[in-house]
Amino acid sequence: RDEDSSESDKPLDPAQTIRDLLSKGGTVEAGLLSRSTRRESKFRLLEAGEIEPLLSEYR
């Protein structure tokens, strides 16, 4: 029996996952789906300036 198996069975906390990622120098990318657009690509990646205010609470 693996001693860590009980911890790996717990669902991950998304907020803690983001904190861990950012503390290790990771980056976050996010996109928006616009269903009403006529463009071929309905997704738009957000700019860093659009995401940064949202991530400030995780730093």
PDB file of N, CA and C in Angstrom:
ATOM      1  N   ARG A   1       0.847  -1.188   0.000  1.00  0.00           N
ATOM      2  CA  ARG A   1       0.000   0.000   0.000  1.00  0.00           C
ATOM      3  C   ARG A   1       0.880   1.235   0.000  1.00  0.00           C
ATOM      4  N   ASP A   2       0.564   2.186  -0.838  1.00  0.00           N
ATOM      5  CA  ASP A   2       1.310   3.440  -0.931  1.00  0.00           C
ATOM      6  C   ASP A   2       0.801   4.398   0.132  1.00  0.00           C
ATOM      7  N   GLU A   3       1.716   4.920   0.940  1.00  0.00           N
ATOM      8  CA  GLU A   3       1.310   5.819   2.028  1.00  0.00           C
ATOM      9  C   GLU A   3       0.725   7.121   1.514  1.00  0.00           C
ATOM     10  N   ASP A   4       1.117   7.545   0.307  1.00  0.00           N
ATOM     11  CA  ASP A   4       0.619   8.800  -0.252  1.00  0.00           C
ATOM     12  C   ASP A   4      -0.715   8.623  -0.970  1.00  0.00           C
ATOM     13  N   SER A   5      -1.204   7.403  -1.075  1.00  0.00           N
ATOM     14  CA  SER A   5      -2.424   7.178  -1.849  1.00  0.00           C
ATOM     15  C   SER A   5      -3.629   7.899  -1.262  1.00  0.00           C
ATOM     16  N   SER A   6      -3.691   8.046   0.066  1.00  0.00           N
ATOM     17  CA  SER A   6      -4.836   8.737   0.655  1.00  0.00           C
ATOM     18  C   SER A   6      -4.843  10.208   0.282  1.00  0.00           C
ATOM     19  N   GLU A   7      -3.662  10.817   0.160  1.00  0.00           N
ATOM     20  CA  GLU A   7      -3.603  12.223  -0.246  1.00  0.00           C
ATOM     21  C   GLU A   7      -3.901  12.378  -1.726  1.00  0.00           C
ATOM     22  N   SER A   8      -3.469  11.436  -2.550  1.00  0.00           N
ATOM     23  CA  SER A   8      -3.705  11.561  -3.984  1.00  0.00           C
ATOM     24  C   SER A   8      -5.171  11.326  -4.336  1.00  0.00           C
ATOM     25  N   ASP A   9      -5.930  10.717  -3.425  1.00  0.00           N
ATOM     26  CA  ASP A   9      -7.352  10.498  -3.664  1.00  0.00           C
ATOM     27  C   ASP A   9      -8.187  11.748  -3.397  1.00  0.00           C
ATOM     28  N   LYS A  10      -7.628  12.714  -2.684  1.00  0.00           N
ATOM     29  CA  LYS A  10      -8.354  13.944  -2.369  1.00  0.00           C
ATOM     30  C   LYS A  10      -8.417  14.823  -3.615  1.00  0.00           C
ATOM     31  N   PRO A  11      -9.538  15.502  -3.832  1.00  0.00           N
ATOM     32  CA  PRO A  11      -9.605  16.420  -4.973  1.00  0.00           C
ATOM     33  C   PRO A  11      -8.654  17.592  -4.769  1.00  0.00           C
ATOM     34  N   LEU A  12      -8.063  18.050  -5.861  1.00  0.00           N
ATOM     35  CA  LEU A  12      -7.145  19.176  -5.792  1.00  0.00           C
ATOM     36  C   LEU A  12      -7.917  20.473  -5.585  1.00  0.00           C
ATOM     37  N   ASP A  13      -7.362  21.348  -4.759  1.00  0.00           N
ATOM     38  CA  ASP A  13      -7.938  22.670  -4.541  1.00  0.00           C
ATOM     39  C   ASP A  13      -7.414  23.582  -5.650  1.00  0.00           C
ATOM     40  N   PRO A  14      -8.271  24.076  -6.538  1.00  0.00           N
ATOM     41  CA  PRO A  14      -7.793  24.901  -7.648  1.00  0.00           C
ATOM     42  C   PRO A  14      -6.995  26.122  -7.197  1.00  0.00           C
ATOM     43  N   ALA A  15      -7.427  26.788  -6.134  1.00  0.00           N
ATOM     44  CA  ALA A  15      -6.712  27.975  -5.652  1.00  0.00           C
ATOM     45  C   ALA A  15      -5.307  27.605  -5.195  1.00  0.00           C
ATOM     46  N   GLN A  16      -5.169  26.503  -4.479  1.00  0.00           N
ATOM     47  CA  GLN A  16      -3.852  26.081  -4.008  1.00  0.00           C
ATOM     48  C   GLN A  16      -2.975  25.646  -5.177  1.00  0.00           C
ATOM     49  N   THR A  17      -3.565  25.024  -6.166  1.00  0.00           N
ATOM     50  CA  THR A  17      -2.818  24.621  -7.352  1.00  0.00           C
ATOM     51  C   THR A  17      -2.243  25.842  -8.056  1.00  0.00           C
ATOM     52  N   ILE A  18      -3.030  26.907  -8.184  1.00  0.00           N
ATOM     53  CA  ILE A  18      -2.552  28.141  -8.812  1.00  0.00           C
ATOM     54  C   ILE A  18      -1.447  28.762  -7.971  1.00  0.00           C
ATOM     55  N   ARG A  19      -1.620  28.816  -6.652  1.00  0.00           N
ATOM     56  CA  ARG A  19      -0.573  29.369  -5.773  1.00  0.00           C
ATOM     57  C   ARG A  19       0.731  28.599  -5.921  1.00  0.00           C
ATOM     58  N   ASP A  20       0.650  27.281  -5.917  1.00  0.00           N
ATOM     59  CA  ASP A  20       1.848  26.452  -6.060  1.00  0.00           C
ATOM     60  C   ASP A  20       2.535  26.711  -7.394  1.00  0.00           C
ATOM     61  N   LEU A  21       1.756  26.774  -8.452  1.00  0.00           N
ATOM     62  CA  LEU A  21       2.297  27.019  -9.786  1.00  0.00           C
ATOM     63  C   LEU A  21       3.008  28.364  -9.859  1.00  0.00           C
ATOM     64  N   LEU A  22       2.359  29.417  -9.374  1.00  0.00           N
ATOM     65  CA  LEU A  22       2.942  30.752  -9.439  1.00  0.00           C
ATOM     66  C   LEU A  22       4.173  30.875  -8.554  1.00  0.00           C
ATOM     67  N   SER A  23       4.183  30.204  -7.407  1.00  0.00           N
ATOM     68  CA  SER A  23       5.342  30.286  -6.513  1.00  0.00           C
ATOM     69  C   SER A  23       6.569  29.618  -7.114  1.00  0.00           C
ATOM     70  N   LYS A  24       6.361  28.721  -8.064  1.00  0.00           N
ATOM     71  CA  LYS A  24       7.472  28.029  -8.721  1.00  0.00           C
ATOM     72  C   LYS A  24       7.843  28.684 -10.046  1.00  0.00           C
ATOM     73  N   GLY A  25       7.309  29.890 -10.293  1.00  0.00           N
ATOM     74  CA  GLY A  25       7.645  30.615 -11.516  1.00  0.00           C
ATOM     75  C   GLY A  25       6.807  30.224 -12.718  1.00  0.00           C
ATOM     76  N   GLY A  26       5.724  29.515 -12.495  1.00  0.00           N
ATOM     77  CA  GLY A  26       4.860  29.095 -13.592  1.00  0.00           C
ATOM     78  C   GLY A  26       4.051  30.248 -14.158  1.00  0.00           C
ATOM     79  N   THR A  27       3.422  30.007 -15.261  1.00  0.00           N
ATOM     80  CA  THR A  27       2.574  31.017 -15.894  1.00  0.00           C
ATOM     81  C   THR A  27       1.162  30.463 -16.069  1.00  0.00           C
ATOM     82  N   VAL A  28       0.221  31.375 -16.204  1.00  0.00           N
ATOM     83  CA  VAL A  28      -1.177  31.007 -16.406  1.00  0.00           C
ATOM     84  C   VAL A  28      -1.633  31.627 -17.718  1.00  0.00           C
ATOM     85  N   GLU A  29      -2.281  30.823 -18.542  1.00  0.00           N
ATOM     86  CA  GLU A  29      -2.891  31.314 -19.768  1.00  0.00           C
ATOM     87  C   GLU A  29      -4.392  31.078 -19.665  1.00  0.00           C
ATOM     88  N   ALA A  30      -5.156  32.007 -20.211  1.00  0.00           N
ATOM     89  CA  ALA A  30      -6.612  31.865 -20.191  1.00  0.00           C
ATOM     90  C   ALA A  30      -7.170  32.363 -21.515  1.00  0.00           C
ATOM     91  N   GLY A  31      -8.279  31.802 -21.901  1.00  0.00           N
ATOM     92  CA  GLY A  31      -8.924  32.205 -23.136  1.00  0.00           C
ATOM     93  C   GLY A  31     -10.423  32.326 -22.946  1.00  0.00           C
ATOM     94  N   LEU A  32     -11.025  33.060 -23.848  1.00  0.00           N
ATOM     95  CA  LEU A  32     -12.477  33.243 -23.840  1.00  0.00           C
ATOM     96  C   LEU A  32     -13.071  32.618 -25.094  1.00  0.00           C
ATOM     97  N   LEU A  33     -14.213  32.018 -24.934  1.00  0.00           N
ATOM     98  CA  LEU A  33     -14.950  31.466 -26.062  1.00  0.00           C
ATOM     99  C   LEU A  33     -16.063  32.440 -26.418  1.00  0.00           C
ATOM    100  N   SER A  34     -16.037  32.928 -27.644  1.00  0.00           N
ATOM    101  CA  SER A  34     -17.078  33.830 -28.126  1.00  0.00           C
ATOM    102  C   SER A  34     -17.906  33.073 -29.162  1.00  0.00           C
ATOM    103  N   ARG A  35     -19.058  32.613 -28.755  1.00  0.00           N
ATOM    104  CA  ARG A  35     -19.882  31.790 -29.644  1.00  0.00           C
ATOM    105  C   ARG A  35     -20.546  32.598 -30.752  1.00  0.00           C
ATOM    106  N   SER A  36     -20.662  33.891 -30.564  1.00  0.00           N
ATOM    107  CA  SER A  36     -21.389  34.708 -31.537  1.00  0.00           C
ATOM    108  C   SER A  36     -20.493  35.290 -32.631  1.00  0.00           C
ATOM    109  N   THR A  37     -19.190  35.063 -32.571  1.00  0.00           N
ATOM    110  CA  THR A  37     -18.299  35.631 -33.575  1.00  0.00           C
ATOM    111  C   THR A  37     -18.380  34.855 -34.884  1.00  0.00           C
ATOM    112  N   ARG A  38     -18.085  35.532 -35.963  1.00  0.00           N
ATOM    113  CA  ARG A  38     -18.085  34.882 -37.277  1.00  0.00           C
ATOM    114  C   ARG A  38     -16.688  34.407 -37.664  1.00  0.00           C
ATOM    115  N   ARG A  39     -15.712  34.731 -36.838  1.00  0.00           N
ATOM    116  CA  ARG A  39     -14.336  34.320 -37.131  1.00  0.00           C
ATOM    117  C   ARG A  39     -14.223  32.799 -37.101  1.00  0.00           C
ATOM    118  N   GLU A  40     -13.192  32.289 -37.773  1.00  0.00           N
ATOM    119  CA  GLU A  40     -12.955  30.842 -37.766  1.00  0.00           C
ATOM    120  C   GLU A  40     -12.612  30.368 -36.360  1.00  0.00           C
ATOM    121  N   SER A  41     -11.752  31.135 -35.683  1.00  0.00           N
ATOM    122  CA  SER A  41     -11.390  30.795 -34.308  1.00  0.00           C
ATOM    123  C   SER A  41     -12.325  31.526 -33.360  1.00  0.00           C
ATOM    124  N   LYS A  42     -13.026  30.786 -32.561  1.00  0.00           N
ATOM    125  CA  LYS A  42     -13.967  31.393 -31.627  1.00  0.00           C
ATOM    126  C   LYS A  42     -13.328  31.673 -30.272  1.00  0.00           C
ATOM    127  N   PHE A  43     -12.047  31.271 -30.117  1.00  0.00           N
ATOM    128  CA  PHE A  43     -11.341  31.506 -28.863  1.00  0.00           C
ATOM    129  C   PHE A  43     -10.407  32.694 -28.993  1.00  0.00           C
ATOM    130  N   ARG A  44     -10.279  33.444 -27.900  1.00  0.00           N
ATOM    131  CA  ARG A  44      -9.336  34.560 -27.843  1.00  0.00           C
ATOM    132  C   ARG A  44      -8.530  34.409 -26.565  1.00  0.00           C
ATOM    133  N   LEU A  45      -7.199  34.342 -26.712  1.00  0.00           N
ATOM    134  CA  LEU A  45      -6.347  34.298 -25.533  1.00  0.00           C
ATOM    135  C   LEU A  45      -6.327  35.666 -24.878  1.00  0.00           C
ATOM    136  N   LEU A  46      -6.409  35.688 -23.570  1.00  0.00           N
ATOM    137  CA  LEU A  46      -6.359  36.947 -22.831  1.00  0.00           C
ATOM    138  C   LEU A  46      -4.922  37.443 -22.756  1.00  0.00           C
ATOM    139  N   GLU A  47      -4.768  38.747 -22.775  1.00  0.00           N
ATOM    140  CA  GLU A  47      -3.458  39.379 -22.619  1.00  0.00           C
ATOM    141  C   GLU A  47      -3.032  39.281 -21.158  1.00  0.00           C
ATOM    142  N   ALA A  48      -1.730  39.376 -20.917  1.00  0.00           N
ATOM    143  CA  ALA A  48      -1.205  39.302 -19.544  1.00  0.00           C
ATOM    144  C   ALA A  48      -1.845  40.369 -18.657  1.00  0.00           C
ATOM    145  N   GLY A  49      -2.058  41.565 -19.189  1.00  0.00           N
ATOM    146  CA  GLY A  49      -2.664  42.644 -18.418  1.00  0.00           C
ATOM    147  C   GLY A  49      -4.105  42.367 -18.015  1.00  0.00           C
ATOM    148  N   GLU A  50      -4.782  41.522 -18.767  1.00  0.00           N
ATOM    149  CA  GLU A  50      -6.156  41.158 -18.436  1.00  0.00           C
ATOM    150  C   GLU A  50      -6.210  40.095 -17.341  1.00  0.00           C
ATOM    151  N   ILE A  51      -5.179  39.268 -17.269  1.00  0.00           N
ATOM    152  CA  ILE A  51      -5.145  38.172 -16.299  1.00  0.00           C
ATOM    153  C   ILE A  51      -4.522  38.597 -14.977  1.00  0.00           C
ATOM    154  N   GLU A  52      -3.528  39.469 -15.032  1.00  0.00           N
ATOM    155  CA  GLU A  52      -2.753  39.824 -13.836  1.00  0.00           C
ATOM    156  C   GLU A  52      -3.608  40.290 -12.658  1.00  0.00           C
ATOM    157  N   PRO A  53      -4.593  41.169 -12.850  1.00  0.00           N
ATOM    158  CA  PRO A  53      -5.414  41.571 -11.693  1.00  0.00           C
ATOM    159  C   PRO A  53      -6.133  40.386 -11.037  1.00  0.00           C
ATOM    160  N   LEU A  54      -6.497  39.408 -11.823  1.00  0.00           N
ATOM    161  CA  LEU A  54      -7.180  38.229 -11.281  1.00  0.00           C
ATOM    162  C   LEU A  54      -6.230  37.333 -10.490  1.00  0.00           C
ATOM    163  N   LEU A  55      -4.959  37.305 -10.902  1.00  0.00           N
ATOM    164  CA  LEU A  55      -3.984  36.436 -10.241  1.00  0.00           C
ATOM    165  C   LEU A  55      -3.333  37.080  -9.027  1.00  0.00           C
ATOM    166  N   SER A  56      -3.511  38.383  -8.847  1.00  0.00           N
ATOM    167  CA  SER A  56      -2.829  39.082  -7.751  1.00  0.00           C
ATOM    168  C   SER A  56      -3.186  38.503  -6.381  1.00  0.00           C
ATOM    169  N   GLU A  57      -4.396  38.004  -6.214  1.00  0.00           N
ATOM    170  CA  GLU A  57      -4.782  37.434  -4.919  1.00  0.00           C
ATOM    171  C   GLU A  57      -4.105  36.090  -4.649  1.00  0.00           C
ATOM    172  N   TYR A  58      -3.511  35.494  -5.665  1.00  0.00           N
ATOM    173  CA  TYR A  58      -2.836  34.209  -5.490  1.00  0.00           C
ATOM    174  C   TYR A  58      -1.334  34.356  -5.272  1.00  0.00           C
ATOM    175  N   ARG A  59      -0.834  35.562  -5.355  1.00  0.00           N
ATOM    176  CA  ARG A  59       0.618  35.784  -5.198  1.00  0.00           C
ATOM    177  C   ARG A  59       0.963  36.081  -3.768  1.00  0.00           C
TER     178      ARG A  59
END
